[in-house]
């Protein structure tokens, strides 16, 4: 039995970033041997086990074969005969397919270290196209690593365009899309999540209302000039939570669609996210009037946000307003004084 640290923990350590979670691959072991050593099953569908002391995940080396549509359409084979390289080749990006043995030696069969040094997000193998969830994961990594200049390789972008045009994309469920998006919203450059999906054609299928407001009629202009991206950047500069960033991302789409629900399509968004978006849609005209120091509209704004009952609700509203309408940021001081 050999145990290797794999994936994000190795990648982040090589980048000098804090390691969030550690995942391990076990080569040369059976399920019975894992259980005998005190490991507990973590998943009924996959050969993943929890360490008896640390609680970290240890997965038997496995290989996957595409058997049906979607990200669940795979048969999994795990056993002591599966090699480390066979396990690593099923991963999405080369920078996530580096392993480290117990002595600290790196095993890097797909040149992930080279891509880390060059700042390139590159697929491991042509099997990348078999799992539509990888579109979202790559977009999320672009959001996380964009500040270090990471970019998509041309060949990976081409594969993502193929995936966006295939029937596989329709198998993605709203909750998985939201799960990846919510993580991306918390990253340093969340707008890159949406840009990557738009540029490969996936955003038009997954979130058409958002895609429309991010369209740039001048194809030679930088898409970062669009109001949605600009609002997201301002929200990040404020260091606000993901609810405010969500509003910054979806307000223009919701306003154009005339309904917050239509803008987010089938996303399984938590209630408090939608409530804040709806609040901004409802009170946007009131906020603009309050900027002119209209006393009645100020009272309407306080009433609408229940400012006298929940200061945090008003704070979230004002943070989102600052991101969306920077020209009216003097309104914040006026409202605070009025309180």
C-alpha atoms as a PDB file:
ATOM      1  CA  UNK A   1       0.000   0.000   0.000  1.00  0.00           C
ATOM      2  CA  UNK A   2       1.318   3.428  -0.995  1.00  0.00           C
ATOM      3  CA  UNK A   3      -0.272   6.734  -0.037  1.00  0.00           C
ATOM      4  CA  UNK A   4       0.043   9.979  -2.003  1.00  0.00           C
ATOM      5  CA  UNK A   5      -1.075  13.542  -1.357  1.00  0.00           C
ATOM      6  CA  UNK A   6      -2.844  14.739  -4.519  1.00  0.00           C
ATOM      7  CA  UNK A   7      -4.722  17.573  -6.149  1.00  0.00           C
ATOM      8  CA  UNK A   8      -5.303  20.992  -4.677  1.00  0.00           C
ATOM      9  CA  UNK A   9      -3.075  20.580  -1.634  1.00  0.00           C
ATOM     10  CA  UNK A  10      -0.021  19.902  -3.805  1.00  0.00           C
ATOM     11  CA  UNK A  11      -0.958  22.637  -6.280  1.00  0.00           C
ATOM     12  CA  UNK A  12      -1.494  25.295  -3.627  1.00  0.00           C
ATOM     13  CA  UNK A  13       1.692  24.447  -1.739  1.00  0.00           C
ATOM     14  CA  UNK A  14       3.704  24.778  -4.955  1.00  0.00           C
ATOM     15  CA  UNK A  15       2.056  28.159  -5.560  1.00  0.00           C
ATOM     16  CA  UNK A  16       2.821  29.282  -2.024  1.00  0.00           C
ATOM     17  CA  UNK A  17      -0.869  29.495  -1.133  1.00  0.00           C
ATOM     18  CA  UNK A  18      -2.539  28.323   2.069  1.00  0.00           C
ATOM     19  CA  UNK A  19      -3.613  24.688   1.788  1.00  0.00           C
ATOM     20  CA  UNK A  20      -7.369  24.446   2.380  1.00  0.00           C
ATOM     21  CA  UNK A  21      -7.990  20.706   2.305  1.00  0.00           C
ATOM     22  CA  UNK A  22      -5.815  17.661   1.865  1.00  0.00           C
ATOM     23  CA  UNK A  23      -6.874  14.703  -0.269  1.00  0.00           C
ATOM     24  CA  UNK A  24      -5.044  11.405  -0.501  1.00  0.00           C
ATOM     25  CA  UNK A  25      -4.881   8.549  -3.011  1.00  0.00           C
ATOM     26  CA  UNK A  26      -4.126   5.017  -1.870  1.00  0.00           C
ATOM     27  CA  UNK A  27      -2.481   2.677  -4.388  1.00  0.00           C
ATOM     28  CA  UNK A  28      -2.292  -1.087  -3.931  1.00  0.00           C
ATOM     29  CA  UNK A  29      -5.054  -1.491  -1.344  1.00  0.00           C
ATOM     30  CA  UNK A  30      -8.528  -2.989  -1.211  1.00  0.00           C
ATOM     31  CA  UNK A  31     -11.647  -1.748   0.519  1.00  0.00           C
ATOM     32  CA  UNK A  32     -11.362  -4.531   3.085  1.00  0.00           C
ATOM     33  CA  UNK A  33      -7.808  -3.493   3.949  1.00  0.00           C
ATOM     34  CA  UNK A  34      -8.889   0.119   4.430  1.00  0.00           C
ATOM     35  CA  UNK A  35     -11.694  -0.898   6.777  1.00  0.00           C
ATOM     36  CA  UNK A  36      -9.367  -3.186   8.712  1.00  0.00           C
ATOM     37  CA  UNK A  37      -7.101  -0.214   9.382  1.00  0.00           C
ATOM     38  CA  UNK A  38      -9.939   1.775  10.912  1.00  0.00           C
ATOM     39  CA  UNK A  39     -10.981   3.873   7.916  1.00  0.00           C
ATOM     40  CA  UNK A  40     -14.705   4.581   7.476  1.00  0.00           C
ATOM     41  CA  UNK A  41     -16.604   4.745   4.202  1.00  0.00           C
ATOM     42  CA  UNK A  42     -17.303   8.363   3.258  1.00  0.00           C
ATOM     43  CA  UNK A  43     -19.398   7.687   0.170  1.00  0.00           C
ATOM     44  CA  UNK A  44     -21.594   4.777  -0.845  1.00  0.00           C
ATOM     45  CA  UNK A  45     -20.935   5.356  -4.563  1.00  0.00           C
ATOM     46  CA  UNK A  46     -17.188   5.991  -4.567  1.00  0.00           C
ATOM     47  CA  UNK A  47     -14.259   4.191  -2.878  1.00  0.00           C
ATOM     48  CA  UNK A  48     -13.523   7.109  -0.555  1.00  0.00           C
ATOM     49  CA  UNK A  49     -12.711   6.660   3.130  1.00  0.00           C
ATOM     50  CA  UNK A  50     -12.250   8.895   6.163  1.00  0.00           C
ATOM     51  CA  UNK A  51      -9.078   8.655   8.216  1.00  0.00           C
ATOM     52  CA  UNK A  52      -9.881   7.484  11.771  1.00  0.00           C
ATOM     53  CA  UNK A  53      -7.929  10.350  13.394  1.00  0.00           C
ATOM     54  CA  UNK A  54      -7.704  13.294  10.970  1.00  0.00           C
ATOM     55  CA  UNK A  55     -11.032  12.776   9.196  1.00  0.00           C
ATOM     56  CA  UNK A  56      -9.294  13.541   5.872  1.00  0.00           C
ATOM     57  CA  UNK A  57     -10.427  11.755   2.722  1.00  0.00           C
ATOM     58  CA  UNK A  58      -8.432   8.832   1.370  1.00  0.00           C
ATOM     59  CA  UNK A  59      -9.570   7.455  -1.993  1.00  0.00           C
ATOM     60  CA  UNK A  60      -8.556   4.181  -3.574  1.00  0.00           C
ATOM     61  CA  UNK A  61      -6.842   4.742  -6.905  1.00  0.00           C
ATOM     62  CA  UNK A  62      -9.452   4.368  -9.602  1.00  0.00           C
ATOM     63  CA  UNK A  63     -10.140   4.720 -13.282  1.00  0.00           C
ATOM     64  CA  UNK A  64     -13.346   5.826 -14.947  1.00  0.00           C
ATOM     65  CA  UNK A  65     -15.096   4.817 -18.158  1.00  0.00           C
ATOM     66  CA  UNK A  66     -17.783   6.929 -19.791  1.00  0.00           C
ATOM     67  CA  UNK A  67     -21.020   4.934 -19.913  1.00  0.00           C
ATOM     68  CA  UNK A  68     -23.779   7.535 -20.178  1.00  0.00           C
ATOM     69  CA  UNK A  69     -24.600  11.240 -20.370  1.00  0.00           C
ATOM     70  CA  UNK A  70     -23.674  13.825 -17.771  1.00  0.00           C
ATOM     71  CA  UNK A  71     -21.199  14.031 -14.946  1.00  0.00           C
ATOM     72  CA  UNK A  72     -22.697  10.918 -13.345  1.00  0.00           C
ATOM     73  CA  UNK A  73     -22.436   8.799 -16.490  1.00  0.00           C
ATOM     74  CA  UNK A  74     -19.287   6.903 -15.537  1.00  0.00           C
ATOM     75  CA  UNK A  75     -18.433   3.418 -14.368  1.00  0.00           C
ATOM     76  CA  UNK A  76     -15.719   3.319 -11.725  1.00  0.00           C
ATOM     77  CA  UNK A  77     -13.112   0.626 -11.284  1.00  0.00           C
ATOM     78  CA  UNK A  78     -11.043   0.677  -8.098  1.00  0.00           C
ATOM     79  CA  UNK A  79      -8.612  -1.919  -6.874  1.00  0.00           C
ATOM     80  CA  UNK A  80      -5.012  -2.684  -5.949  1.00  0.00           C
ATOM     81  CA  UNK A  81      -4.070  -3.097  -9.610  1.00  0.00           C
ATOM     82  CA  UNK A  82      -4.887   0.530 -10.531  1.00  0.00           C
ATOM     83  CA  UNK A  83      -1.730   2.626 -10.837  1.00  0.00           C
ATOM     84  CA  UNK A  84      -1.190   6.184  -9.647  1.00  0.00           C
ATOM     85  CA  UNK A  85      -0.877   7.434 -13.227  1.00  0.00           C
ATOM     86  CA  UNK A  86      -4.191   5.803 -14.158  1.00  0.00           C
ATOM     87  CA  UNK A  87      -5.780   7.690 -11.278  1.00  0.00           C
ATOM     88  CA  UNK A  88      -4.159  11.027 -12.155  1.00  0.00           C
ATOM     89  CA  UNK A  89      -5.111  10.884 -15.842  1.00  0.00           C
ATOM     90  CA  UNK A  90      -8.819  11.086 -14.988  1.00  0.00           C
ATOM     91  CA  UNK A  91      -8.353  14.520 -13.355  1.00  0.00           C
ATOM     92  CA  UNK A  92      -9.386  17.764 -15.008  1.00  0.00           C
ATOM     93  CA  UNK A  93      -6.281  19.977 -15.210  1.00  0.00           C
ATOM     94  CA  UNK A  94      -2.578  19.210 -15.243  1.00  0.00           C
ATOM     95  CA  UNK A  95      -2.020  21.480 -12.230  1.00  0.00           C
ATOM     96  CA  UNK A  96      -4.414  19.235 -10.282  1.00  0.00           C
ATOM     97  CA  UNK A  97      -2.752  16.007 -11.434  1.00  0.00           C
ATOM     98  CA  UNK A  98       0.436  16.241  -9.370  1.00  0.00           C
ATOM     99  CA  UNK A  99       1.025  13.800  -6.513  1.00  0.00           C
ATOM    100  CA  UNK A 100       3.474  13.788  -3.621  1.00  0.00           C
ATOM    101  CA  UNK A 101       4.705  10.626  -1.931  1.00  0.00           C
ATOM    102  CA  UNK A 102       5.421  10.163   1.757  1.00  0.00           C
ATOM    103  CA  UNK A 103       9.057  11.207   1.260  1.00  0.00           C
ATOM    104  CA  UNK A 104       8.055  14.504  -0.357  1.00  0.00           C
ATOM    105  CA  UNK A 105       8.898  13.472  -3.923  1.00  0.00           C
ATOM    106  CA  UNK A 106       6.622  14.847  -6.641  1.00  0.00           C
ATOM    107  CA  UNK A 107       5.062  12.590  -9.270  1.00  0.00           C
ATOM    108  CA  UNK A 108       4.050  14.726 -12.236  1.00  0.00           C
ATOM    109  CA  UNK A 109       3.347  12.632 -15.353  1.00  0.00           C
ATOM    110  CA  UNK A 110       1.435  15.399 -17.177  1.00  0.00           C
ATOM    111  CA  UNK A 111       3.803  18.365 -16.691  1.00  0.00           C
ATOM    112  CA  UNK A 112       1.623  20.134 -14.172  1.00  0.00           C
ATOM    113  CA  UNK A 113       4.606  21.922 -12.614  1.00  0.00           C
ATOM    114  CA  UNK A 114       5.490  23.351 -16.016  1.00  0.00           C
ATOM    115  CA  UNK A 115       1.955  24.700 -16.406  1.00  0.00           C
ATOM    116  CA  UNK A 116       2.047  26.122 -12.871  1.00  0.00           C
ATOM    117  CA  UNK A 117       5.225  28.014 -13.735  1.00  0.00           C
ATOM    118  CA  UNK A 118       3.724  29.263 -17.011  1.00  0.00           C
ATOM    119  CA  UNK A 119       0.341  30.142 -15.492  1.00  0.00           C
ATOM    120  CA  UNK A 120      -1.625  27.863 -17.822  1.00  0.00           C
ATOM    121  CA  UNK A 121      -4.871  25.993 -17.170  1.00  0.00           C
ATOM    122  CA  UNK A 122      -4.569  22.914 -19.389  1.00  0.00           C
ATOM    123  CA  UNK A 123      -6.626  19.725 -19.569  1.00  0.00           C
ATOM    124  CA  UNK A 124      -4.952  16.424 -18.731  1.00  0.00           C
ATOM    125  CA  UNK A 125      -6.354  14.302 -21.558  1.00  0.00           C
ATOM    126  CA  UNK A 126      -8.971  14.343 -24.344  1.00  0.00           C
ATOM    127  CA  UNK A 127     -11.336  12.630 -21.878  1.00  0.00           C
ATOM    128  CA  UNK A 128     -11.785  16.115 -20.397  1.00  0.00           C
ATOM    129  CA  UNK A 129     -14.840  16.562 -22.652  1.00  0.00           C
ATOM    130  CA  UNK A 130     -16.670  13.618 -21.077  1.00  0.00           C
ATOM    131  CA  UNK A 131     -17.610  15.475 -17.884  1.00  0.00           C
ATOM    132  CA  UNK A 132     -19.561  18.759 -18.283  1.00  0.00           C
ATOM    133  CA  UNK A 133     -18.862  19.652 -14.655  1.00  0.00           C
ATOM    134  CA  UNK A 134     -15.279  20.343 -15.704  1.00  0.00           C
ATOM    135  CA  UNK A 135     -16.464  23.459 -17.539  1.00  0.00           C
ATOM    136  CA  UNK A 136     -17.545  24.931 -14.215  1.00  0.00           C
ATOM    137  CA  UNK A 137     -14.443  23.775 -12.369  1.00  0.00           C
ATOM    138  CA  UNK A 138     -12.103  25.342 -14.918  1.00  0.00           C
ATOM    139  CA  UNK A 139     -14.076  28.593 -14.752  1.00  0.00           C
ATOM    140  CA  UNK A 140     -13.783  28.517 -10.951  1.00  0.00           C
ATOM    141  CA  UNK A 141     -10.031  27.945 -11.116  1.00  0.00           C
ATOM    142  CA  UNK A 142      -9.787  30.915 -13.481  1.00  0.00           C
ATOM    143  CA  UNK A 143     -11.552  33.005 -10.823  1.00  0.00           C
ATOM    144  CA  UNK A 144      -9.228  31.773  -8.107  1.00  0.00           C
ATOM    145  CA  UNK A 145      -5.918  31.933  -9.964  1.00  0.00           C
ATOM    146  CA  UNK A 146      -6.551  34.892 -12.258  1.00  0.00           C
ATOM    147  CA  UNK A 147      -4.698  37.305 -10.001  1.00  0.00           C
ATOM    148  CA  UNK A 148      -1.510  35.337 -10.705  1.00  0.00           C
ATOM    149  CA  UNK A 149      -2.046  35.629 -14.443  1.00  0.00           C
ATOM    150  CA  UNK A 150      -3.363  32.119 -15.087  1.00  0.00           C
ATOM    151  CA  UNK A 151      -5.035  31.719 -18.462  1.00  0.00           C
ATOM    152  CA  UNK A 152      -6.703  28.937 -20.437  1.00  0.00           C
ATOM    153  CA  UNK A 153      -4.642  27.063 -22.985  1.00  0.00           C
ATOM    154  CA  UNK A 154      -5.989  27.412 -26.523  1.00  0.00           C
ATOM    155  CA  UNK A 155      -6.593  23.680 -26.845  1.00  0.00           C
ATOM    156  CA  UNK A 156      -8.497  23.526 -23.554  1.00  0.00           C
ATOM    157  CA  UNK A 157     -10.631  26.478 -24.612  1.00  0.00           C
ATOM    158  CA  UNK A 158     -11.376  24.634 -27.858  1.00  0.00           C
ATOM    159  CA  UNK A 159     -12.513  21.554 -25.952  1.00  0.00           C
ATOM    160  CA  UNK A 160     -14.718  23.722 -23.748  1.00  0.00           C
ATOM    161  CA  UNK A 161     -16.357  25.208 -26.845  1.00  0.00           C
ATOM    162  CA  UNK A 162     -17.121  21.668 -28.021  1.00  0.00           C
ATOM    163  CA  UNK A 163     -18.590  20.817 -24.637  1.00  0.00           C
ATOM    164  CA  UNK A 164     -20.733  23.971 -24.585  1.00  0.00           C
ATOM    165  CA  UNK A 165     -22.209  23.010 -27.951  1.00  0.00           C
ATOM    166  CA  UNK A 166     -22.923  19.419 -26.917  1.00  0.00           C
ATOM    167  CA  UNK A 167     -25.948  17.855 -25.255  1.00  0.00           C
ATOM    168  CA  UNK A 168     -23.812  17.099 -22.195  1.00  0.00           C
ATOM    169  CA  UNK A 169     -24.218  20.672 -20.950  1.00  0.00           C
ATOM    170  CA  UNK A 170     -27.958  20.198 -20.474  1.00  0.00           C
ATOM    171  CA  UNK A 171     -27.285  17.460 -17.912  1.00  0.00           C
ATOM    172  CA  UNK A 172     -25.787  19.924 -15.432  1.00  0.00           C
ATOM    173  CA  UNK A 173     -28.171  20.477 -12.541  1.00  0.00           C
ATOM    174  CA  UNK A 174     -28.908  23.878 -11.093  1.00  0.00           C
ATOM    175  CA  UNK A 175     -27.589  22.947  -7.674  1.00  0.00           C
ATOM    176  CA  UNK A 176     -24.188  21.921  -9.085  1.00  0.00           C
ATOM    177  CA  UNK A 177     -23.969  25.126 -11.095  1.00  0.00           C
ATOM    178  CA  UNK A 178     -24.781  27.159  -7.993  1.00  0.00           C
ATOM    179  CA  UNK A 179     -22.328  25.167  -5.871  1.00  0.00           C
ATOM    180  CA  UNK A 180     -19.448  25.995  -8.209  1.00  0.00           C
ATOM    181  CA  UNK A 181     -20.614  29.576  -8.724  1.00  0.00           C
ATOM    182  CA  UNK A 182     -20.931  30.251  -5.010  1.00  0.00           C
ATOM    183  CA  UNK A 183     -17.337  29.140  -4.512  1.00  0.00           C
ATOM    184  CA  UNK A 184     -16.228  31.287  -7.444  1.00  0.00           C
ATOM    185  CA  UNK A 185     -17.988  34.352  -6.010  1.00  0.00           C
ATOM    186  CA  UNK A 186     -15.793  34.069  -2.915  1.00  0.00           C
ATOM    187  CA  UNK A 187     -12.577  34.090  -4.963  1.00  0.00           C
ATOM    188  CA  UNK A 188     -10.287  37.035  -5.763  1.00  0.00           C
ATOM    189  CA  UNK A 189     -11.570  37.552  -9.327  1.00  0.00           C
ATOM    190  CA  UNK A 190     -15.096  36.108  -9.477  1.00  0.00           C
ATOM    191  CA  UNK A 191     -15.917  37.848 -12.748  1.00  0.00           C
ATOM    192  CA  UNK A 192     -13.535  35.472 -14.536  1.00  0.00           C
ATOM    193  CA  UNK A 193     -15.887  32.586 -13.746  1.00  0.00           C
ATOM    194  CA  UNK A 194     -18.579  34.182 -15.896  1.00  0.00           C
ATOM    195  CA  UNK A 195     -16.160  35.402 -18.576  1.00  0.00           C
ATOM    196  CA  UNK A 196     -14.693  31.944 -19.127  1.00  0.00           C
ATOM    197  CA  UNK A 197     -18.162  30.423 -19.441  1.00  0.00           C
ATOM    198  CA  UNK A 198     -19.278  33.169 -21.808  1.00  0.00           C
ATOM    199  CA  UNK A 199     -16.254  32.946 -24.069  1.00  0.00           C
ATOM    200  CA  UNK A 200     -16.692  29.204 -24.588  1.00  0.00           C
ATOM    201  CA  UNK A 201     -20.441  29.582 -25.207  1.00  0.00           C
ATOM    202  CA  UNK A 202     -21.639  27.842 -22.040  1.00  0.00           C
ATOM    203  CA  UNK A 203     -23.072  30.922 -20.305  1.00  0.00           C
ATOM    204  CA  UNK A 204     -25.658  31.427 -23.058  1.00  0.00           C
ATOM    205  CA  UNK A 205     -26.989  27.935 -22.367  1.00  0.00           C
ATOM    206  CA  UNK A 206     -26.727  27.947 -18.574  1.00  0.00           C
ATOM    207  CA  UNK A 207     -27.688  31.544 -17.723  1.00  0.00           C
ATOM    208  CA  UNK A 208     -29.007  33.266 -20.863  1.00  0.00           C
ATOM    209  CA  UNK A 209     -30.216  36.394 -19.041  1.00  0.00           C
ATOM    210  CA  UNK A 210     -26.750  36.974 -17.598  1.00  0.00           C
ATOM    211  CA  UNK A 211     -25.127  36.204 -20.936  1.00  0.00           C
ATOM    212  CA  UNK A 212     -27.205  38.892 -22.651  1.00  0.00           C
ATOM    213  CA  UNK A 213     -26.154  41.684 -20.295  1.00  0.00           C
ATOM    214  CA  UNK A 214     -22.511  40.630 -20.564  1.00  0.00           C
ATOM    215  CA  UNK A 215     -22.527  40.733 -24.357  1.00  0.00           C
ATOM    216  CA  UNK A 216     -20.280  43.386 -25.853  1.00  0.00           C
ATOM    217  CA  UNK A 217     -21.392  44.701 -29.257  1.00  0.00           C
ATOM    218  CA  UNK A 218     -17.813  45.799 -29.946  1.00  0.00           C
ATOM    219  CA  UNK A 219     -16.069  42.458 -30.356  1.00  0.00           C
ATOM    220  CA  UNK A 220     -12.662  44.148 -30.187  1.00  0.00           C
ATOM    221  CA  UNK A 221     -13.376  45.752 -26.821  1.00  0.00           C
ATOM    222  CA  UNK A 222     -12.495  44.166 -23.511  1.00  0.00           C
ATOM    223  CA  UNK A 223     -15.504  42.416 -21.982  1.00  0.00           C
ATOM    224  CA  UNK A 224     -14.344  43.735 -18.617  1.00  0.00           C
ATOM    225  CA  UNK A 225     -15.931  47.052 -19.604  1.00  0.00           C
ATOM    226  CA  UNK A 226     -19.443  45.635 -19.151  1.00  0.00           C
ATOM    227  CA  UNK A 227     -21.382  46.985 -16.127  1.00  0.00           C
ATOM    228  CA  UNK A 228     -21.764  43.543 -14.564  1.00  0.00           C
ATOM    229  CA  UNK A 229     -18.022  42.920 -14.426  1.00  0.00           C
ATOM    230  CA  UNK A 230     -17.377  46.473 -13.231  1.00  0.00           C
ATOM    231  CA  UNK A 231     -19.912  46.037 -10.409  1.00  0.00           C
ATOM    232  CA  UNK A 232     -18.338  42.735  -9.376  1.00  0.00           C
ATOM    233  CA  UNK A 233     -14.905  44.341  -9.266  1.00  0.00           C
ATOM    234  CA  UNK A 234     -16.189  47.104  -7.005  1.00  0.00           C
ATOM    235  CA  UNK A 235     -17.840  44.530  -4.746  1.00  0.00           C
ATOM    236  CA  UNK A 236     -14.530  42.667  -4.448  1.00  0.00           C
ATOM    237  CA  UNK A 237     -12.730  45.910  -3.607  1.00  0.00           C
ATOM    238  CA  UNK A 238     -15.188  46.385  -0.748  1.00  0.00           C
ATOM    239  CA  UNK A 239     -14.350  42.877   0.493  1.00  0.00           C
ATOM    240  CA  UNK A 240     -18.040  42.095   0.938  1.00  0.00           C
ATOM    241  CA  UNK A 241     -19.642  38.675   1.350  1.00  0.00           C
ATOM    242  CA  UNK A 242     -20.898  36.436  -1.438  1.00  0.00           C
ATOM    243  CA  UNK A 243     -24.503  37.665  -1.148  1.00  0.00           C
ATOM    244  CA  UNK A 244     -23.484  41.191  -2.158  1.00  0.00           C
ATOM    245  CA  UNK A 245     -21.242  39.824  -4.908  1.00  0.00           C
ATOM    246  CA  UNK A 246     -24.149  37.729  -6.172  1.00  0.00           C
ATOM    247  CA  UNK A 247     -26.324  40.851  -6.395  1.00  0.00           C
ATOM    248  CA  UNK A 248     -23.553  42.712  -8.229  1.00  0.00           C
ATOM    249  CA  UNK A 249     -23.349  39.853 -10.739  1.00  0.00           C
ATOM    250  CA  UNK A 250     -27.075  39.412 -11.363  1.00  0.00           C
ATOM    251  CA  UNK A 251     -28.692  42.820 -10.840  1.00  0.00           C
ATOM    252  CA  UNK A 252     -28.450  43.988 -14.471  1.00  0.00           C
ATOM    253  CA  UNK A 253     -29.760  40.642 -15.738  1.00  0.00           C
ATOM    254  CA  UNK A 254     -32.641  40.686 -13.251  1.00  0.00           C
ATOM    255  CA  UNK A 255     -33.495  44.305 -14.065  1.00  0.00           C
ATOM    256  CA  UNK A 256     -33.549  43.570 -17.788  1.00  0.00           C
ATOM    257  CA  UNK A 257     -35.592  40.399 -17.286  1.00  0.00           C
ATOM    258  CA  UNK A 258     -37.969  42.236 -14.954  1.00  0.00           C
ATOM    259  CA  UNK A 259     -37.762  39.434 -12.409  1.00  0.00           C
ATOM    260  CA  UNK A 260     -35.027  38.066 -10.158  1.00  0.00           C
ATOM    261  CA  UNK A 261     -36.226  34.486 -10.678  1.00  0.00           C
ATOM    262  CA  UNK A 262     -35.938  34.698 -14.459  1.00  0.00           C
ATOM    263  CA  UNK A 263     -32.403  36.024 -14.177  1.00  0.00           C
ATOM    264  CA  UNK A 264     -31.115  33.117 -12.120  1.00  0.00           C
ATOM    265  CA  UNK A 265     -33.006  30.476 -14.131  1.00  0.00           C
ATOM    266  CA  UNK A 266     -32.869  27.084 -12.379  1.00  0.00           C
ATOM    267  CA  UNK A 267     -30.127  27.891  -9.883  1.00  0.00           C
ATOM    268  CA  UNK A 268     -30.800  26.500  -6.430  1.00  0.00           C
ATOM    269  CA  UNK A 269     -29.905  29.784  -4.749  1.00  0.00           C
ATOM    270  CA  UNK A 270     -30.459  30.192  -1.037  1.00  0.00           C
ATOM    271  CA  UNK A 271     -33.402  32.346   0.008  1.00  0.00           C
ATOM    272  CA  UNK A 272     -31.325  35.152   1.536  1.00  0.00           C
ATOM    273  CA  UNK A 273     -29.442  35.680  -1.745  1.00  0.00           C
ATOM    274  CA  UNK A 274     -32.640  36.094  -3.736  1.00  0.00           C
ATOM    275  CA  UNK A 275     -34.166  38.313  -1.058  1.00  0.00           C
ATOM    276  CA  UNK A 276     -31.256  40.748  -1.256  1.00  0.00           C
ATOM    277  CA  UNK A 277     -31.427  40.798  -5.057  1.00  0.00           C
ATOM    278  CA  UNK A 278     -35.179  41.416  -4.943  1.00  0.00           C
ATOM    279  CA  UNK A 279     -34.664  44.196  -2.388  1.00  0.00           C
ATOM    280  CA  UNK A 280     -32.215  45.995  -4.682  1.00  0.00           C
ATOM    281  CA  UNK A 281     -34.597  45.671  -7.629  1.00  0.00           C
ATOM    282  CA  UNK A 282     -37.522  47.025  -5.619  1.00  0.00           C
ATOM    283  CA  UNK A 283     -35.676  49.903  -3.979  1.00  0.00           C
ATOM    284  CA  UNK A 284     -33.398  51.001  -6.830  1.00  0.00           C
ATOM    285  CA  UNK A 285     -35.675  53.952  -7.817  1.00  0.00           C
ATOM    286  CA  UNK A 286     -36.053  54.905  -4.153  1.00  0.00           C
ATOM    287  CA  UNK A 287     -32.286  54.897  -3.652  1.00  0.00           C
ATOM    288  CA  UNK A 288     -31.746  57.132  -6.665  1.00  0.00           C
ATOM    289  CA  UNK A 289     -34.302  59.612  -5.323  1.00  0.00           C
ATOM    290  CA  UNK A 290     -32.762  59.439  -1.861  1.00  0.00           C
ATOM    291  CA  UNK A 291     -29.463  60.476  -3.431  1.00  0.00           C
ATOM    292  CA  UNK A 292     -31.110  63.834  -4.088  1.00  0.00           C
ATOM    293  CA  UNK A 293     -31.769  64.026  -0.326  1.00  0.00           C
ATOM    294  CA  UNK A 294     -35.516  63.682  -0.799  1.00  0.00           C
ATOM    295  CA  UNK A 295     -36.753  63.245   2.810  1.00  0.00           C
ATOM    296  CA  UNK A 296     -39.768  61.119   1.891  1.00  0.00           C
ATOM    297  CA  UNK A 297     -37.686  58.785  -0.247  1.00  0.00           C
ATOM    298  CA  UNK A 298     -35.148  58.448   2.565  1.00  0.00           C
ATOM    299  CA  UNK A 299     -37.962  57.340   4.864  1.00  0.00           C
ATOM    300  CA  UNK A 300     -39.198  54.947   2.172  1.00  0.00           C
ATOM    301  CA  UNK A 301     -35.710  53.481   1.922  1.00  0.00           C
ATOM    302  CA  UNK A 302     -35.433  52.996   5.672  1.00  0.00           C
ATOM    303  CA  UNK A 303     -38.849  51.372   5.699  1.00  0.00           C
ATOM    304  CA  UNK A 304     -38.049  49.112   2.740  1.00  0.00           C
ATOM    305  CA  UNK A 305     -34.789  47.872   4.226  1.00  0.00           C
ATOM    306  CA  UNK A 306     -36.226  47.751   7.771  1.00  0.00           C
ATOM    307  CA  UNK A 307     -33.167  49.734   8.780  1.00  0.00           C
ATOM    308  CA  UNK A 308     -34.517  50.500  12.246  1.00  0.00           C
ATOM    309  CA  UNK A 309     -34.960  46.774  12.925  1.00  0.00           C
ATOM    310  CA  UNK A 310     -31.888  45.342  11.179  1.00  0.00           C
ATOM    311  CA  UNK A 311     -28.793  47.448  10.613  1.00  0.00           C
ATOM    312  CA  UNK A 312     -27.111  44.490   8.887  1.00  0.00           C
ATOM    313  CA  UNK A 313     -29.832  44.438   6.227  1.00  0.00           C
ATOM    314  CA  UNK A 314     -29.267  48.135   5.489  1.00  0.00           C
ATOM    315  CA  UNK A 315     -25.501  47.566   5.473  1.00  0.00           C
ATOM    316  CA  UNK A 316     -25.822  44.810   2.871  1.00  0.00           C
ATOM    317  CA  UNK A 317     -28.147  46.953   0.793  1.00  0.00           C
ATOM    318  CA  UNK A 318     -25.733  49.904   0.844  1.00  0.00           C
ATOM    319  CA  UNK A 319     -22.749  47.685   0.002  1.00  0.00           C
ATOM    320  CA  UNK A 320     -24.583  46.343  -3.044  1.00  0.00           C
ATOM    321  CA  UNK A 321     -25.700  49.862  -4.002  1.00  0.00           C
ATOM    322  CA  UNK A 322     -22.106  51.124  -3.798  1.00  0.00           C
ATOM    323  CA  UNK A 323     -21.011  48.343  -6.155  1.00  0.00           C
ATOM    324  CA  UNK A 324     -23.841  48.976  -8.609  1.00  0.00           C
ATOM    325  CA  UNK A 325     -24.023  52.784  -8.567  1.00  0.00           C
ATOM    326  CA  UNK A 326     -20.651  54.268  -7.576  1.00  0.00           C
ATOM    327  CA  UNK A 327     -21.706  57.735  -8.746  1.00  0.00           C
ATOM    328  CA  UNK A 328     -24.261  57.785  -5.910  1.00  0.00           C
ATOM    329  CA  UNK A 329     -21.900  56.694  -3.141  1.00  0.00           C
ATOM    330  CA  UNK A 330     -22.369  59.999  -1.321  1.00  0.00           C
ATOM    331  CA  UNK A 331     -25.845  58.725  -0.486  1.00  0.00           C
ATOM    332  CA  UNK A 332     -24.392  56.304   2.075  1.00  0.00           C
ATOM    333  CA  UNK A 333     -23.063  59.138   4.243  1.00  0.00           C
ATOM    334  CA  UNK A 334     -26.307  61.050   3.941  1.00  0.00           C
ATOM    335  CA  UNK A 335     -28.357  58.017   4.985  1.00  0.00           C
ATOM    336  CA  UNK A 336     -26.095  57.230   7.934  1.00  0.00           C
ATOM    337  CA  UNK A 337     -26.453  60.819   9.120  1.00  0.00           C
ATOM    338  CA  UNK A 338     -30.218  60.590   8.750  1.00  0.00           C
ATOM    339  CA  UNK A 339     -30.264  57.536  11.002  1.00  0.00           C
END
